[in-house]
Structures are given as C-alpha cells and as structure tokens.
C-alpha cells in the first residue's frame, strides 16, 4: 500500500471560524455545516439502515438539506460558548459537547516545514451524557432532560419533518438504541454518572481507511481523559458509542470493550435506490453506522411495515449494532 502524501489534522472548527470575526463566523458556520451534512450522507451511503429509513433519492436529498440546520446550530452554540470565555465567563472550554473535524493536511509549498490545511474530510459529534445519578452540568443547570440523547432528539425531528422518510424504521431504531444503552450502560452502577457519548464519526469515502476516523475518535478520547471541570477539578469520563460489527475491531484497538448489542429487521439495501448527492453512526471505513453489522436471521420479528408488500417482507435482513465503552 502506498503511503499517502498527506495527513489529517483534527481540530474544533469553531476556533477557525472565530478568527474571521462575527460576519465571517456566520458565513463559515453555514459552509462548514453544509460540508458536514454532505459527508454524513456520503459516509452513510453504504449503510442499509439509511436506505431503509430513506428509500428514495429524493428523501435522501431532503435529509441532507435538513441536517444543515442542526449542525449549524451546534457550531453556533460552540461559537457563543467560546465568546463567553473571552468575556471572562466560567463556562467550561468545550461546553456540553460539539463537533470535531478532520482536515486534509499536506506539506506547505510556500513555507518549508509548515503545513497547508485543505478541505474537511471527516467529522465527529459527541456530547456529555448525564446518566441516572449525574450532578448538574458544568454550566450550572441540570441538563439531564435538555441535553441528554441529542442524537435521538435529532432522529425524532428527522422522523417528524423530513419528507419521504419511513418513520417505522427511524422510530424503531431510536427506541432500540435507547433501550440498549439503558440496559447495558445506564443500568451499571459504575456508569451512572457523567459520561461522553459519541454520536457520529463519518469520513468522506475518498479518504476512508486512511486514519481519519481513528484520529477523530482518539481526539474524543483525549477530551474524556482530560474531562470537564466539575466542582473545581477535572474528572475523567468513560466514553460510550454504538458500532456495527465491521467497525468493532477498530474500536477494540482503541481500547473499547463490548457491553451488549441490539438488532432489528430492515429491507435489504438492494431494494433501496442509491443516493444521488450533488457535487455515512461510527467507524473507520465509513461511520459507526456503516453496512458491516448485518447477518441473516429470519427468526427475528420484523418492524411493522407501512406497506403490505410480500416482496419486501421476503427480502428482510437483520441489522445489528454493538454497544461499547472506553475507560480512561
């Protein structure tokens, strides 16, 4: 295998946005959010769950447009938090979570020994998850209901507002994911406090398998190792995520351990229309929600379908994800 003539630099995009001032921030925030939404769909394209939830090219395009606003909102929130720090606020440096991006980096042609940063090629989203017995958030308010499970809240918004989606697969996935976390993670005494949850790690398919996904995940682990400032001191935190079978070996190499799993029946991706995006949850090859966690299991009860198609029922497959945790 040839060694690529570039590397990846992982950073907080909002820091670069702030360098351009308020007007530049508004413009760049939208631009970055649009790129993140594009990578989200491109990385997840190999995931049959995505095509079960959004079975047509039109519904996928609707999803891509919809995702820009929530990603922009996260970036805007980080911008506000960073400005508050500059004004002397006691808010924690990284707020309640956020977005990390991986940029292509190559040796500078103008400055020997320096580097030139290129386009965003991947991203990760993460958040603090309060847990059953967590203390109030480091912002000083109880964020248990407001900030926990923001990825599931996003899925609910998508289910309610993205035209052409199949709600039965969105809603069932969200329910199973929530139940699995509560059973294998939230129900354990050692995990009942504050933790970090990784929602998505997605890489542009052109750069998959080159280390961007691992670099993004390692950066989140660094944040967990450092921990937020609680009661005047830093507290190291465990990290939780849900992965397909294909991505499990990568997470094991990074120190994650399997806690449990959940699965559901969905239509075969061959029954779905391929996405046609203008010019995919976490894993090195694409995202945590790539297409690797599939095995045939006709004994599982299927999700209630919105159609009586016998052909669709006969082509159902089992989609599985593994619940994993990392300890600092």
Protein backbone atom coordinates (compact mmCIF):
# COMPACT_ATOMS: atom_id res chain seq x y z
CA UNK A 1 0.00 0.00 0.00
CA UNK A 2 1.34 3.44 -0.93
CA UNK A 3 1.88 5.95 1.84
CA UNK A 4 -0.41 8.94 1.21
CA UNK A 5 1.32 12.31 0.69
CA UNK A 6 -0.97 13.91 3.25
CA UNK A 7 -2.06 13.51 6.86
CA UNK A 8 -5.12 14.56 8.86
CA UNK A 9 -5.38 17.37 11.37
CA UNK A 10 -8.24 17.13 13.87
CA UNK A 11 -9.49 20.35 15.42
CA UNK A 12 -12.51 22.30 16.63
CA UNK A 13 -13.84 24.10 13.53
CA UNK A 14 -15.34 26.87 15.63
CA UNK A 15 -11.87 28.09 16.60
CA UNK A 16 -11.05 28.84 12.96
CA UNK A 17 -14.48 30.41 12.48
CA UNK A 18 -13.80 32.84 15.34
CA UNK A 19 -10.65 34.07 13.60
CA UNK A 20 -12.79 35.63 10.85
CA UNK A 21 -14.91 37.83 13.14
CA UNK A 22 -18.69 37.92 13.54
CA UNK A 23 -19.62 38.34 9.86
CA UNK A 24 -17.18 35.68 8.74
CA UNK A 25 -18.42 33.39 11.51
CA UNK A 26 -21.99 33.40 10.20
CA UNK A 27 -20.85 32.66 6.65
CA UNK A 28 -18.30 30.00 7.58
CA UNK A 29 -20.59 28.28 10.08
CA UNK A 30 -23.15 27.65 7.34
CA UNK A 31 -20.46 26.49 4.92
CA UNK A 32 -18.96 24.04 7.41
CA UNK A 33 -22.40 22.73 8.42
CA UNK A 34 -23.24 22.09 4.76
CA UNK A 35 -19.99 20.17 4.26
CA UNK A 36 -20.63 18.11 7.41
CA UNK A 37 -24.15 17.25 6.23
CA UNK A 38 -22.74 16.20 2.85
CA UNK A 39 -20.11 13.94 4.47
CA UNK A 40 -22.80 12.47 6.74
CA UNK A 41 -24.78 11.23 3.74
CA UNK A 42 -21.76 10.17 1.68
CA UNK A 43 -20.25 8.17 4.55
CA UNK A 44 -23.55 6.50 5.43
CA UNK A 45 -24.39 5.58 1.83
CA UNK A 46 -23.13 2.01 2.31
CA UNK A 47 -25.35 1.57 5.38
CA UNK A 48 -28.54 -0.39 4.61
CA UNK A 49 -30.26 1.18 7.62
CA UNK A 50 -30.00 4.60 5.96
CA UNK A 51 -31.69 3.28 2.82
CA UNK A 52 -34.39 1.55 4.84
CA UNK A 53 -35.15 4.85 6.56
CA UNK A 54 -34.79 6.96 3.40
CA UNK A 55 -35.64 4.68 0.47
CA UNK A 56 -35.52 7.18 -2.41
CA UNK A 57 -33.00 9.66 -3.80
CA UNK A 58 -35.49 12.45 -3.08
CA UNK A 59 -35.84 11.50 0.60
CA UNK A 60 -32.03 11.34 0.95
CA UNK A 61 -31.71 14.81 -0.60
CA UNK A 62 -34.36 16.07 1.84
CA UNK A 63 -32.35 14.60 4.71
CA UNK A 64 -29.14 16.25 3.53
CA UNK A 65 -30.83 19.66 3.39
CA UNK A 66 -32.45 19.12 6.80
CA UNK A 67 -29.17 18.21 8.54
CA UNK A 68 -27.52 21.55 7.73
CA UNK A 69 -29.58 23.50 10.28
CA UNK A 70 -28.95 21.27 13.35
CA UNK A 71 -25.24 21.03 12.55
CA UNK A 72 -25.12 24.80 12.13
CA UNK A 73 -26.90 25.19 15.48
CA UNK A 74 -24.23 23.10 17.23
CA UNK A 75 -21.47 25.22 15.69
CA UNK A 76 -23.29 28.44 16.64
CA UNK A 77 -23.63 27.21 20.22
CA UNK A 78 -19.90 26.48 20.37
CA UNK A 79 -19.20 29.96 18.97
CA UNK A 80 -21.31 31.56 21.72
CA UNK A 81 -19.56 29.46 24.36
CA UNK A 82 -16.12 30.49 23.11
CA UNK A 83 -17.09 34.17 23.07
CA UNK A 84 -18.31 33.81 26.66
CA UNK A 85 -14.87 32.55 27.65
CA UNK A 86 -13.26 35.59 26.06
CA UNK A 87 -15.57 37.75 28.17
CA UNK A 88 -14.41 36.05 31.35
CA UNK A 89 -17.19 33.51 31.73
CA UNK A 90 -16.56 30.47 33.91
CA UNK A 91 -18.14 28.19 31.30
CA UNK A 92 -16.12 25.05 30.57
CA UNK A 93 -13.94 25.24 27.48
CA UNK A 94 -15.93 22.77 25.40
CA UNK A 95 -19.48 23.32 26.63
CA UNK A 96 -21.83 20.33 26.60
CA UNK A 97 -20.34 18.68 23.52
CA UNK A 98 -19.71 19.61 19.95
CA UNK A 99 -18.20 18.80 16.59
CA UNK A 100 -14.64 17.87 15.67
CA UNK A 101 -13.45 17.87 12.07
CA UNK A 102 -10.57 16.17 10.27
CA UNK A 103 -8.90 18.25 7.59
CA UNK A 104 -6.52 17.08 4.92
CA UNK A 105 -3.03 18.37 5.65
CA UNK A 106 -0.08 18.40 3.24
CA UNK A 107 3.43 19.90 3.38
CA UNK A 108 3.41 23.60 2.56
CA UNK A 109 4.89 24.64 -0.77
CA UNK A 110 5.38 28.22 0.43
CA UNK A 111 6.65 27.59 3.97
CA UNK A 112 9.17 24.73 4.23
CA UNK A 113 8.48 22.68 7.32
CA UNK A 114 4.96 24.04 7.55
CA UNK A 115 1.64 22.52 6.53
CA UNK A 116 -1.32 23.59 4.44
CA UNK A 117 -4.80 22.62 5.62
CA UNK A 118 -7.28 21.56 2.98
CA UNK A 119 -10.92 20.57 2.93
CA UNK A 120 -12.84 18.90 5.72
CA UNK A 121 -12.78 15.15 5.07
CA UNK A 122 -14.47 13.82 8.21
CA UNK A 123 -16.20 14.80 11.42
CA UNK A 124 -17.22 13.50 14.83
CA UNK A 125 -20.07 14.63 17.07
CA UNK A 126 -20.07 13.99 20.80
CA UNK A 127 -21.84 15.12 23.95
CA UNK A 128 -21.83 14.80 27.69
CA UNK A 129 -24.42 12.26 28.82
CA UNK A 130 -25.62 12.98 32.39
CA UNK A 131 -26.59 9.46 33.49
CA UNK A 132 -29.06 8.50 36.20
CA UNK A 133 -27.09 9.96 39.10
CA UNK A 134 -25.09 12.70 37.40
CA UNK A 135 -24.54 16.02 39.06
CA UNK A 136 -25.87 19.20 37.39
CA UNK A 137 -23.98 20.16 34.26
CA UNK A 138 -20.81 22.24 34.43
CA UNK A 139 -22.85 25.15 33.11
CA UNK A 140 -24.61 25.26 36.45
CA UNK A 141 -28.03 23.89 35.45
CA UNK A 142 -29.48 20.42 35.38
CA UNK A 143 -29.11 19.46 31.71
CA UNK A 144 -30.41 15.93 32.16
CA UNK A 145 -33.59 16.48 30.16
CA UNK A 146 -32.39 19.27 27.89
CA UNK A 147 -29.09 17.90 26.59
CA UNK A 148 -29.09 14.13 27.02
CA UNK A 149 -29.51 11.96 23.93
CA UNK A 150 -29.38 14.85 21.47
CA UNK A 151 -28.77 12.36 18.65
CA UNK A 152 -32.06 10.65 19.48
CA UNK A 153 -33.79 14.02 19.64
CA UNK A 154 -32.41 14.74 16.17
CA UNK A 155 -33.74 11.41 14.91
CA UNK A 156 -37.17 12.36 16.27
CA UNK A 157 -37.02 15.69 14.44
CA UNK A 158 -35.98 13.91 11.26
CA UNK A 159 -38.82 11.42 11.64
CA UNK A 160 -41.34 14.23 12.06
CA UNK A 161 -40.10 16.68 9.45
CA UNK A 162 -38.14 15.01 6.63
CA UNK A 163 -40.49 14.23 3.78
CA UNK A 164 -40.20 10.74 2.31
CA UNK A 165 -38.65 9.06 5.36
CA UNK A 166 -40.00 5.79 6.73
CA UNK A 167 -40.89 6.62 10.31
CA UNK A 168 -41.24 2.99 11.36
CA UNK A 169 -37.51 2.37 10.87
CA UNK A 170 -36.39 5.69 12.37
CA UNK A 171 -38.61 5.32 15.43
CA UNK A 172 -37.82 1.65 16.00
CA UNK A 173 -34.08 2.27 15.74
CA UNK A 174 -34.26 5.18 18.20
CA UNK A 175 -36.27 3.09 20.68
CA UNK A 176 -33.96 0.06 20.48
CA UNK A 177 -30.86 2.22 20.77
CA UNK A 178 -32.22 3.98 23.85
CA UNK A 179 -33.27 0.72 25.49
CA UNK A 180 -29.91 -0.91 24.77
CA UNK A 181 -27.97 1.95 26.32
CA UNK A 182 -30.17 1.97 29.41
CA UNK A 183 -29.79 -1.79 29.81
CA UNK A 184 -26.07 -2.32 29.24
CA UNK A 185 -24.67 1.10 30.15
CA UNK A 186 -27.02 3.22 32.24
CA UNK A 187 -28.06 0.27 34.37
CA UNK A 188 -24.50 -0.42 35.54
CA UNK A 189 -23.50 1.20 38.83
CA UNK A 190 -20.12 2.32 37.51
CA UNK A 191 -21.73 4.16 34.56
CA UNK A 192 -24.47 6.01 36.41
CA UNK A 193 -22.57 9.30 36.50
CA UNK A 194 -21.48 11.70 33.77
CA UNK A 195 -20.04 10.17 30.59
CA UNK A 196 -19.29 11.12 26.99
CA UNK A 197 -21.33 9.68 24.13
CA UNK A 198 -20.06 9.64 20.55
CA UNK A 199 -22.98 10.03 18.17
CA UNK A 200 -21.31 10.06 14.76
CA UNK A 201 -17.85 9.62 13.25
CA UNK A 202 -18.09 9.95 9.47
CA UNK A 203 -15.41 10.14 6.77
CA UNK A 204 -15.70 11.15 3.13
CA UNK A 205 -15.45 7.84 1.18
CA UNK A 206 -12.47 9.21 -0.77
CA UNK A 207 -10.46 9.22 2.47
CA UNK A 208 -11.79 6.16 4.24
CA UNK A 209 -9.27 3.63 5.50
CA UNK A 210 -6.53 6.26 5.83
CA UNK A 211 -6.84 7.01 9.53
CA UNK A 212 -9.24 9.96 9.71
CA UNK A 213 -11.89 8.04 11.67
CA UNK A 214 -9.34 6.77 14.19
CA UNK A 215 -7.85 10.25 14.58
CA UNK A 216 -11.26 11.76 15.26
CA UNK A 217 -12.12 9.08 17.82
CA UNK A 218 -8.75 9.45 19.57
CA UNK A 219 -9.39 13.18 19.93
CA UNK A 220 -12.68 12.49 21.73
CA UNK A 221 -10.84 10.04 23.99
CA UNK A 222 -8.34 12.78 24.79
CA UNK A 223 -11.22 15.04 25.82
CA UNK A 224 -12.58 12.26 28.03
CA UNK A 225 -9.14 11.69 29.56
CA UNK A 226 -8.88 15.39 30.35
CA UNK A 227 -12.50 15.56 31.48
CA UNK A 228 -14.74 18.54 32.26
CA UNK A 229 -14.20 20.73 35.30
CA UNK A 230 -16.65 19.60 37.98
CA UNK A 231 -16.63 21.09 41.48
CA UNK A 232 -13.36 22.82 40.71
CA UNK A 233 -11.41 19.84 39.39
CA UNK A 234 -11.09 17.81 36.20
CA UNK A 235 -12.95 14.50 36.11
CA UNK A 236 -12.02 11.69 33.70
CA UNK A 237 -15.03 10.15 31.95
CA UNK A 238 -15.96 6.88 30.21
CA UNK A 239 -16.97 7.07 26.54
CA UNK A 240 -19.98 5.23 25.08
CA UNK A 241 -20.85 4.51 21.45
CA UNK A 242 -22.79 2.07 19.27
CA UNK A 243 -20.92 0.36 16.43
CA UNK A 244 -21.64 -2.04 13.61
CA UNK A 245 -19.85 -5.39 13.58
CA UNK A 246 -17.43 -4.22 10.88
CA UNK A 247 -16.17 -1.30 12.97
CA UNK A 248 -15.82 -3.24 16.25
CA UNK A 249 -12.15 -4.28 15.65
CA UNK A 250 -11.12 -0.65 15.20
CA UNK A 251 -12.75 0.38 18.44
CA UNK A 252 -11.21 -2.57 20.24
CA UNK A 253 -7.79 -1.39 19.04
CA UNK A 254 -8.59 2.00 20.56
CA UNK A 255 -9.47 0.35 23.88
CA UNK A 256 -13.26 0.00 23.69
CA UNK A 257 -15.00 -3.04 25.22
CA UNK A 258 -18.32 -4.56 24.12
CA UNK A 259 -21.18 -4.32 26.62
CA UNK A 260 -24.13 -5.68 24.65
CA UNK A 261 -26.00 -5.30 21.37
CA UNK A 262 -29.33 -4.67 19.70
CA UNK A 263 -30.75 -5.58 16.30
CA UNK A 264 -33.75 -5.04 14.05
CA UNK A 265 -35.03 -6.30 10.73
CA UNK A 266 -34.92 -3.94 7.75
CA UNK A 267 -35.37 -4.27 3.98
CA UNK A 268 -32.32 -5.35 2.03
CA UNK A 269 -30.37 -2.35 0.74
CA UNK A 270 -30.64 -3.83 -2.75
CA UNK A 271 -34.31 -2.82 -2.60
CA UNK A 272 -33.35 0.80 -1.96
CA UNK A 273 -32.49 3.45 -4.50
CA UNK A 274 -28.86 4.60 -4.44
CA UNK A 275 -28.30 8.15 -3.26
CA UNK A 276 -27.55 10.82 -5.84
CA UNK A 277 -25.95 13.62 -3.88
CA UNK A 278 -24.61 16.81 -5.52
CA UNK A 279 -21.09 17.78 -6.02
CA UNK A 280 -22.39 7.70 6.13
CA UNK A 281 -23.32 6.43 13.29
CA UNK A 282 -19.09 5.40 13.88
CA UNK A 283 -16.25 3.54 12.06
CA UNK A 284 -13.00 3.81 10.13
CA UNK A 285 -14.40 2.53 6.85
CA UNK A 286 -17.31 4.95 6.82
CA UNK A 287 -19.10 5.61 10.07
CA UNK A 288 -20.27 3.81 13.22
CA UNK A 289 -23.37 3.11 11.24
CA UNK A 290 -21.76 1.53 8.20
CA UNK A 291 -23.02 -1.60 6.50
CA UNK A 292 -20.88 -4.18 8.24
CA UNK A 293 -23.16 -5.25 11.04
CA UNK A 294 -25.51 -7.42 9.02
CA UNK A 295 -26.31 -11.10 9.30
CA UNK A 296 -29.28 -13.08 8.12
CA UNK A 297 -31.64 -14.08 10.93
CA UNK A 298 -35.16 -14.85 9.68
CA UNK A 299 -36.35 -15.71 13.21
CA UNK A 300 -36.40 -12.08 14.39
CA UNK A 301 -39.75 -10.29 14.39
CA UNK A 302 -39.78 -7.58 11.77
CA UNK A 303 -40.71 -3.92 12.16
CA UNK A 304 -44.30 -3.05 11.33
CA UNK A 305 -44.24 -2.01 7.70
CA UNK A 306 -46.19 0.79 6.09
CA UNK A 307 -46.76 -1.45 3.10
CA UNK A 308 -48.18 -4.93 2.67
CA UNK A 309 -45.55 -5.81 0.09
CA UNK A 310 -44.83 -9.54 0.30
CA UNK A 311 -41.72 -8.98 -1.80
CA UNK A 312 -40.30 -6.54 0.75
CA UNK A 313 -41.03 -8.86 3.65
CA UNK A 314 -39.27 -11.71 1.90
CA UNK A 315 -36.08 -9.65 1.48
CA UNK A 316 -35.71 -8.51 5.10
CA UNK A 317 -32.24 -8.66 6.67
CA UNK A 318 -31.06 -8.20 10.25
CA UNK A 319 -29.19 -5.03 11.15
CA UNK A 320 -27.10 -5.21 14.34
CA UNK A 321 -25.08 -2.76 16.41
CA UNK A 322 -22.74 -3.33 19.34
CA UNK A 323 -22.81 -1.16 22.48
CA UNK A 324 -19.23 -0.33 23.51
CA UNK A 325 -17.46 1.61 26.26
CA UNK A 326 -13.98 3.04 26.76
CA UNK A 327 -12.46 3.69 30.19
CA UNK A 328 -9.86 6.41 30.84
